[in-house]
Amino acid sequence: MELTVGLDTIATILTVVVGIVGLGGTVLASNARTRRELKGDLGRLETSLRSEISRVETSLKGDMDKLEASLHSDMDKLEASLHNEMENLATSLHSDMDKLEASLKGDIARLDDRVYALAAGLAPRLAPTAGTDPA
């Protein structure tokens, strides 16, 4: 059995081969175009993302600066308030100490008076009597 191929068959095979090669070329061109589009989209997304990150970073820095200034202001107010409170407590303590000192001096003076009164009352009893030798 001999295989004979006619001119029509060869033409059909060549047409199919040319179609397949053409289709492959079209697919490759489409693939290259899609890659370029994807690279362009990724480039635009990267640029947009970098811009947004920069904007957020700038905003956060501004917020941090505001928070820092607010914290310093609050700390200064707290320090001034504590200083005033300490001065008030020291003044109150000095006043209380002065009152206590005055009260103790009064108590000591009253005790001295009582001791002198007791001594004056006991003095005649402790005095030697006329006929006894004190030694």
N, C-alpha and C. Protein backbone atom coordinates (compact mmCIF):
# COMPACT_ATOMS: atom_id res chain seq x y z
N MET A 1 0.84 -1.15 0.00
CA MET A 1 0.00 0.00 0.00
C MET A 1 0.90 1.22 0.00
N GLU A 2 0.59 1.89 -0.96
CA GLU A 2 1.37 3.08 -1.19
C GLU A 2 0.54 4.29 -0.85
N LEU A 3 1.19 5.19 -0.15
CA LEU A 3 0.45 6.37 0.27
C LEU A 3 0.75 7.48 -0.71
N THR A 4 -0.29 7.97 -1.29
CA THR A 4 -0.12 9.07 -2.23
C THR A 4 -0.80 10.27 -1.64
N VAL A 5 -0.06 11.37 -1.69
CA VAL A 5 -0.59 12.61 -1.15
C VAL A 5 -0.78 13.54 -2.34
N GLY A 6 -1.98 14.08 -2.41
CA GLY A 6 -2.27 14.98 -3.50
C GLY A 6 -1.93 16.41 -3.13
N LEU A 7 -1.94 17.20 -4.18
CA LEU A 7 -1.64 18.61 -4.03
C LEU A 7 -2.65 19.28 -3.12
N ASP A 8 -3.85 18.91 -3.18
CA ASP A 8 -4.89 19.48 -2.31
C ASP A 8 -4.61 19.15 -0.84
N THR A 9 -4.17 17.98 -0.56
CA THR A 9 -3.88 17.57 0.81
C THR A 9 -2.70 18.36 1.35
N ILE A 10 -1.66 18.52 0.50
CA ILE A 10 -0.50 19.30 0.92
C ILE A 10 -0.90 20.74 1.17
N ALA A 11 -1.74 21.28 0.33
CA ALA A 11 -2.20 22.65 0.50
C ALA A 11 -3.00 22.78 1.78
N THR A 12 -3.81 21.81 2.09
CA THR A 12 -4.62 21.84 3.32
C THR A 12 -3.70 21.76 4.54
N ILE A 13 -2.70 20.85 4.48
CA ILE A 13 -1.77 20.73 5.61
C ILE A 13 -0.99 22.03 5.78
N LEU A 14 -0.53 22.62 4.68
CA LEU A 14 0.19 23.90 4.76
C LEU A 14 -0.71 24.99 5.34
N THR A 15 -1.98 25.00 4.97
CA THR A 15 -2.92 26.00 5.49
C THR A 15 -3.09 25.82 7.00
N VAL A 16 -3.21 24.57 7.40
CA VAL A 16 -3.36 24.30 8.84
C VAL A 16 -2.10 24.72 9.58
N VAL A 17 -0.90 24.39 9.03
CA VAL A 17 0.35 24.77 9.67
C VAL A 17 0.47 26.28 9.74
N VAL A 18 0.17 26.97 8.65
CA VAL A 18 0.22 28.44 8.65
C VAL A 18 -0.78 28.99 9.65
N GLY A 19 -1.95 28.42 9.76
CA GLY A 19 -2.94 28.87 10.74
C GLY A 19 -2.46 28.69 12.17
N ILE A 20 -1.82 27.52 12.41
CA ILE A 20 -1.30 27.25 13.75
C ILE A 20 -0.16 28.22 14.09
N VAL A 21 0.74 28.44 13.13
CA VAL A 21 1.84 29.38 13.35
C VAL A 21 1.28 30.79 13.56
N GLY A 22 0.28 31.16 12.76
CA GLY A 22 -0.34 32.48 12.93
C GLY A 22 -1.01 32.62 14.28
N LEU A 23 -1.72 31.55 14.66
CA LEU A 23 -2.38 31.58 15.96
C LEU A 23 -1.34 31.67 17.08
N GLY A 24 -0.23 30.94 16.97
CA GLY A 24 0.84 31.02 17.96
C GLY A 24 1.43 32.42 18.02
N GLY A 25 1.62 33.04 16.88
CA GLY A 25 2.14 34.41 16.84
C GLY A 25 1.17 35.38 17.50
N THR A 26 -0.12 35.17 17.21
CA THR A 26 -1.14 36.03 17.82
C THR A 26 -1.14 35.85 19.34
N VAL A 27 -1.04 34.62 19.80
CA VAL A 27 -1.02 34.35 21.24
C VAL A 27 0.22 34.98 21.87
N LEU A 28 1.38 34.84 21.21
CA LEU A 28 2.60 35.45 21.74
C LEU A 28 2.50 36.97 21.79
N ALA A 29 1.94 37.56 20.73
CA ALA A 29 1.78 39.02 20.72
C ALA A 29 0.80 39.46 21.80
N SER A 30 -0.27 38.70 21.96
CA SER A 30 -1.26 39.03 22.99
C SER A 30 -0.64 38.89 24.38
N ASN A 31 0.16 37.85 24.55
CA ASN A 31 0.84 37.63 25.82
C ASN A 31 1.80 38.78 26.13
N ALA A 32 2.56 39.21 25.13
CA ALA A 32 3.49 40.33 25.33
C ALA A 32 2.73 41.60 25.66
N ARG A 33 1.60 41.83 24.98
CA ARG A 33 0.79 43.02 25.23
C ARG A 33 0.22 42.96 26.65
N THR A 34 -0.23 41.79 27.07
CA THR A 34 -0.78 41.63 28.42
C THR A 34 0.31 41.87 29.46
N ARG A 35 1.51 41.37 29.23
CA ARG A 35 2.63 41.61 30.15
C ARG A 35 2.94 43.09 30.27
N ARG A 36 2.93 43.81 29.13
CA ARG A 36 3.19 45.26 29.17
C ARG A 36 2.09 45.97 29.95
N GLU A 37 0.85 45.57 29.73
CA GLU A 37 -0.27 46.19 30.45
C GLU A 37 -0.16 45.92 31.94
N LEU A 38 0.18 44.67 32.29
CA LEU A 38 0.32 44.33 33.71
C LEU A 38 1.48 45.09 34.35
N LYS A 39 2.59 45.19 33.64
CA LYS A 39 3.72 45.97 34.16
C LYS A 39 3.33 47.42 34.36
N GLY A 40 2.58 47.97 33.40
CA GLY A 40 2.12 49.36 33.53
C GLY A 40 1.18 49.52 34.72
N ASP A 41 0.24 48.56 34.87
CA ASP A 41 -0.70 48.62 36.01
C ASP A 41 0.06 48.50 37.33
N LEU A 42 1.01 47.57 37.39
CA LEU A 42 1.79 47.41 38.62
C LEU A 42 2.61 48.67 38.92
N GLY A 43 3.16 49.27 37.88
CA GLY A 43 3.92 50.51 38.07
C GLY A 43 3.04 51.62 38.62
N ARG A 44 1.82 51.74 38.06
CA ARG A 44 0.89 52.77 38.55
C ARG A 44 0.46 52.47 39.99
N LEU A 45 0.19 51.20 40.29
CA LEU A 45 -0.18 50.82 41.65
C LEU A 45 0.97 51.07 42.62
N GLU A 46 2.19 50.76 42.21
CA GLU A 46 3.36 51.01 43.06
C GLU A 46 3.51 52.49 43.34
N THR A 47 3.38 53.31 42.31
CA THR A 47 3.49 54.76 42.48
C THR A 47 2.39 55.28 43.40
N SER A 48 1.17 54.79 43.18
CA SER A 48 0.05 55.20 44.03
C SER A 48 0.27 54.77 45.48
N LEU A 49 0.75 53.54 45.66
CA LEU A 49 1.00 53.03 47.00
C LEU A 49 2.10 53.82 47.70
N ARG A 50 3.17 54.11 46.99
CA ARG A 50 4.26 54.90 47.57
C ARG A 50 3.75 56.29 47.97
N SER A 51 2.93 56.87 47.12
CA SER A 51 2.38 58.19 47.41
C SER A 51 1.50 58.14 48.66
N GLU A 52 0.65 57.11 48.75
CA GLU A 52 -0.24 56.97 49.90
C GLU A 52 0.57 56.72 51.18
N ILE A 53 1.60 55.89 51.09
CA ILE A 53 2.46 55.63 52.26
C ILE A 53 3.14 56.92 52.70
N SER A 54 3.61 57.70 51.76
CA SER A 54 4.26 58.97 52.09
C SER A 54 3.28 59.92 52.76
N ARG A 55 2.05 59.96 52.24
CA ARG A 55 1.02 60.84 52.81
C ARG A 55 0.69 60.40 54.25
N VAL A 56 0.52 59.10 54.45
CA VAL A 56 0.20 58.58 55.78
C VAL A 56 1.36 58.85 56.74
N GLU A 57 2.58 58.64 56.26
CA GLU A 57 3.76 58.89 57.09
C GLU A 57 3.83 60.35 57.52
N THR A 58 3.59 61.25 56.59
CA THR A 58 3.59 62.68 56.90
C THR A 58 2.50 63.01 57.90
N SER A 59 1.33 62.44 57.69
CA SER A 59 0.21 62.68 58.60
C SER A 59 0.53 62.15 60.00
N LEU A 60 1.11 60.95 60.07
CA LEU A 60 1.46 60.37 61.37
C LEU A 60 2.53 61.20 62.08
N LYS A 61 3.50 61.70 61.31
CA LYS A 61 4.52 62.55 61.92
C LYS A 61 3.89 63.80 62.51
N GLY A 62 2.95 64.39 61.77
CA GLY A 62 2.26 65.57 62.28
C GLY A 62 1.47 65.25 63.54
N ASP A 63 0.78 64.10 63.52
CA ASP A 63 0.01 63.70 64.71
C ASP A 63 0.93 63.44 65.89
N MET A 64 2.07 62.81 65.65
CA MET A 64 3.02 62.54 66.72
C MET A 64 3.58 63.85 67.29
N ASP A 65 3.85 64.81 66.41
CA ASP A 65 4.35 66.11 66.89
C ASP A 65 3.30 66.79 67.77
N LYS A 66 2.02 66.71 67.35
CA LYS A 66 0.95 67.31 68.15
C LYS A 66 0.83 66.60 69.50
N LEU A 67 0.89 65.26 69.48
CA LEU A 67 0.80 64.51 70.74
C LEU A 67 1.96 64.83 71.66
N GLU A 68 3.14 64.97 71.09
CA GLU A 68 4.32 65.30 71.89
C GLU A 68 4.17 66.67 72.53
N ALA A 69 3.70 67.64 71.74
CA ALA A 69 3.51 68.99 72.28
C ALA A 69 2.44 68.98 73.37
N SER A 70 1.37 68.22 73.14
CA SER A 70 0.30 68.13 74.14
C SER A 70 0.81 67.47 75.41
N LEU A 71 1.61 66.43 75.26
CA LEU A 71 2.17 65.74 76.43
C LEU A 71 3.07 66.67 77.23
N HIS A 72 3.92 67.43 76.53
CA HIS A 72 4.80 68.37 77.23
C HIS A 72 3.98 69.43 77.97
N SER A 73 2.93 69.92 77.31
CA SER A 73 2.07 70.92 77.94
C SER A 73 1.40 70.34 79.19
N ASP A 74 0.87 69.11 79.05
CA ASP A 74 0.22 68.47 80.20
C ASP A 74 1.21 68.21 81.33
N MET A 75 2.41 67.80 80.98
CA MET A 75 3.42 67.55 82.01
C MET A 75 3.81 68.85 82.72
N ASP A 76 3.92 69.94 81.97
CA ASP A 76 4.23 71.24 82.59
C ASP A 76 3.12 71.66 83.54
N LYS A 77 1.86 71.47 83.11
CA LYS A 77 0.72 71.82 83.98
C LYS A 77 0.72 70.96 85.23
N LEU A 78 0.98 69.66 85.06
CA LEU A 78 1.01 68.76 86.20
C LEU A 78 2.13 69.14 87.17
N GLU A 79 3.29 69.47 86.61
CA GLU A 79 4.42 69.87 87.46
C GLU A 79 4.07 71.14 88.24
N ALA A 80 3.46 72.12 87.58
CA ALA A 80 3.08 73.36 88.26
C ALA A 80 2.04 73.09 89.35
N SER A 81 1.08 72.22 89.02
CA SER A 81 0.04 71.88 90.00
C SER A 81 0.65 71.17 91.21
N LEU A 82 1.54 70.22 90.96
CA LEU A 82 2.19 69.52 92.07
C LEU A 82 3.05 70.47 92.90
N HIS A 83 3.73 71.38 92.24
CA HIS A 83 4.55 72.36 92.95
C HIS A 83 3.67 73.21 93.87
N ASN A 84 2.54 73.69 93.35
CA ASN A 84 1.62 74.50 94.16
C ASN A 84 1.07 73.69 95.32
N GLU A 85 0.73 72.44 95.05
CA GLU A 85 0.18 71.59 96.11
C GLU A 85 1.23 71.36 97.20
N MET A 86 2.47 71.13 96.80
CA MET A 86 3.54 70.93 97.77
C MET A 86 3.76 72.20 98.61
N GLU A 87 3.71 73.36 97.96
CA GLU A 87 3.85 74.61 98.71
C GLU A 87 2.72 74.78 99.70
N ASN A 88 1.49 74.46 99.28
CA ASN A 88 0.33 74.55 100.17
C ASN A 88 0.47 73.60 101.35
N LEU A 89 0.92 72.37 101.07
CA LEU A 89 1.11 71.40 102.15
C LEU A 89 2.21 71.86 103.11
N ALA A 90 3.30 72.41 102.58
CA ALA A 90 4.39 72.89 103.43
C ALA A 90 3.90 74.05 104.30
N THR A 91 3.14 74.96 103.73
CA THR A 91 2.60 76.09 104.49
C THR A 91 1.67 75.59 105.58
N SER A 92 0.82 74.63 105.23
CA SER A 92 -0.11 74.07 106.21
C SER A 92 0.65 73.35 107.31
N LEU A 93 1.70 72.62 106.95
CA LEU A 93 2.50 71.91 107.95
C LEU A 93 3.18 72.90 108.89
N HIS A 94 3.73 73.97 108.35
CA HIS A 94 4.37 74.99 109.20
C HIS A 94 3.35 75.60 110.16
N SER A 95 2.16 75.87 109.65
CA SER A 95 1.11 76.45 110.49
C SER A 95 0.73 75.48 111.60
N ASP A 96 0.56 74.20 111.24
CA ASP A 96 0.20 73.19 112.25
C ASP A 96 1.31 73.04 113.29
N MET A 97 2.55 73.07 112.82
CA MET A 97 3.68 72.96 113.74
C MET A 97 3.73 74.16 114.69
N ASP A 98 3.46 75.36 114.18
CA ASP A 98 3.44 76.56 115.02
C ASP A 98 2.34 76.45 116.07
N LYS A 99 1.16 75.97 115.64
CA LYS A 99 0.05 75.81 116.60
C LYS A 99 0.39 74.77 117.66
N LEU A 100 1.01 73.67 117.23
CA LEU A 100 1.39 72.63 118.18
C LEU A 100 2.43 73.15 119.17
N GLU A 101 3.39 73.91 118.66
CA GLU A 101 4.42 74.49 119.53
C GLU A 101 3.79 75.41 120.56
N ALA A 102 2.86 76.26 120.10
CA ALA A 102 2.19 77.19 121.04
C ALA A 102 1.39 76.41 122.07
N SER A 103 0.72 75.35 121.63
CA SER A 103 -0.08 74.54 122.55
C SER A 103 0.82 73.85 123.59
N LEU A 104 1.96 73.30 123.10
CA LEU A 104 2.89 72.64 124.03
C LEU A 104 3.49 73.64 125.01
N LYS A 105 3.82 74.84 124.53
CA LYS A 105 4.35 75.85 125.45
C LYS A 105 3.33 76.20 126.51
N GLY A 106 2.05 76.30 126.10
CA GLY A 106 1.00 76.58 127.08
C GLY A 106 0.87 75.45 128.09
N ASP A 107 0.92 74.19 127.59
CA ASP A 107 0.85 73.04 128.49
C ASP A 107 2.03 73.03 129.46
N ILE A 108 3.23 73.32 128.96
CA ILE A 108 4.43 73.34 129.81
C ILE A 108 4.31 74.45 130.85
N ALA A 109 3.80 75.61 130.43
CA ALA A 109 3.65 76.73 131.39
C ALA A 109 2.65 76.34 132.48
N ARG A 110 1.55 75.68 132.10
CA ARG A 110 0.57 75.26 133.11
C ARG A 110 1.18 74.21 134.06
N LEU A 111 1.95 73.28 133.49
CA LEU A 111 2.61 72.28 134.35
C LEU A 111 3.62 72.94 135.29
N ASP A 112 4.36 73.92 134.78
CA ASP A 112 5.30 74.65 135.64
C ASP A 112 4.57 75.33 136.78
N ASP A 113 3.44 75.97 136.45
CA ASP A 113 2.65 76.64 137.48
C ASP A 113 2.18 75.64 138.54
N ARG A 114 1.76 74.48 138.11
CA ARG A 114 1.27 73.47 139.06
C ARG A 114 2.42 72.95 139.93
N VAL A 115 3.57 72.75 139.29
CA VAL A 115 4.72 72.29 140.07
C VAL A 115 5.11 73.34 141.11
N TYR A 116 5.14 74.60 140.70
CA TYR A 116 5.47 75.66 141.67
C TYR A 116 4.43 75.75 142.78
N ALA A 117 3.18 75.57 142.40
CA ALA A 117 2.12 75.62 143.42
C ALA A 117 2.26 74.45 144.38
N LEU A 118 2.54 73.28 143.84
CA LEU A 118 2.74 72.11 144.71
C LEU A 118 3.95 72.32 145.61
N ALA A 119 5.01 72.86 145.02
CA ALA A 119 6.22 73.10 145.81
C ALA A 119 5.95 74.12 146.90
N ALA A 120 5.18 75.15 146.58
CA ALA A 120 4.88 76.17 147.59
C ALA A 120 4.01 75.59 148.69
N GLY A 121 3.11 74.70 148.29
CA GLY A 121 2.23 74.09 149.30
C GLY A 121 2.98 73.10 150.17
N LEU A 122 3.97 72.42 149.61
CA LEU A 122 4.72 71.43 150.39
C LEU A 122 5.88 72.05 151.14
N ALA A 123 6.28 73.23 150.77
CA ALA A 123 7.44 73.86 151.40
C ALA A 123 7.28 73.98 152.91
N PRO A 124 6.18 74.44 153.45
CA PRO A 124 6.09 74.52 154.91
C PRO A 124 6.17 73.16 155.57
N ARG A 125 5.68 72.14 154.92
CA ARG A 125 5.72 70.82 155.53
C ARG A 125 7.13 70.25 155.49
N LEU A 126 7.90 70.67 154.49
CA LEU A 126 9.25 70.12 154.34
C LEU A 126 10.28 70.93 155.14
N ALA A 127 9.87 72.09 155.64
CA ALA A 127 10.81 72.93 156.40
C ALA A 127 11.17 72.24 157.72
N PRO A 128 12.45 72.32 158.13
CA PRO A 128 12.84 71.64 159.38
C PRO A 128 12.15 72.32 160.58
N THR A 129 11.80 71.57 161.50
CA THR A 129 11.17 72.09 162.71
C THR A 129 12.23 72.60 163.66
N ALA A 130 11.84 73.47 164.56
CA ALA A 130 12.78 74.16 165.43
C ALA A 130 13.49 73.17 166.34
N GLY A 131 13.77 72.39 166.59
CA GLY A 131 14.51 71.56 167.53
C GLY A 131 15.15 70.37 166.82
N THR A 132 15.08 70.22 165.60
CA THR A 132 15.69 69.08 164.93
C THR A 132 16.86 69.54 164.11
N ASP A 133 17.79 68.71 164.05
CA ASP A 133 19.00 69.04 163.30
C ASP A 133 18.79 68.56 161.86
N PRO A 134 18.99 69.47 160.90
CA PRO A 134 18.74 69.09 159.52
C PRO A 134 19.76 68.09 159.00
N ALA A 135 20.87 67.95 159.60
CA ALA A 135 21.88 67.06 159.09
C ALA A 135 21.77 65.73 159.65
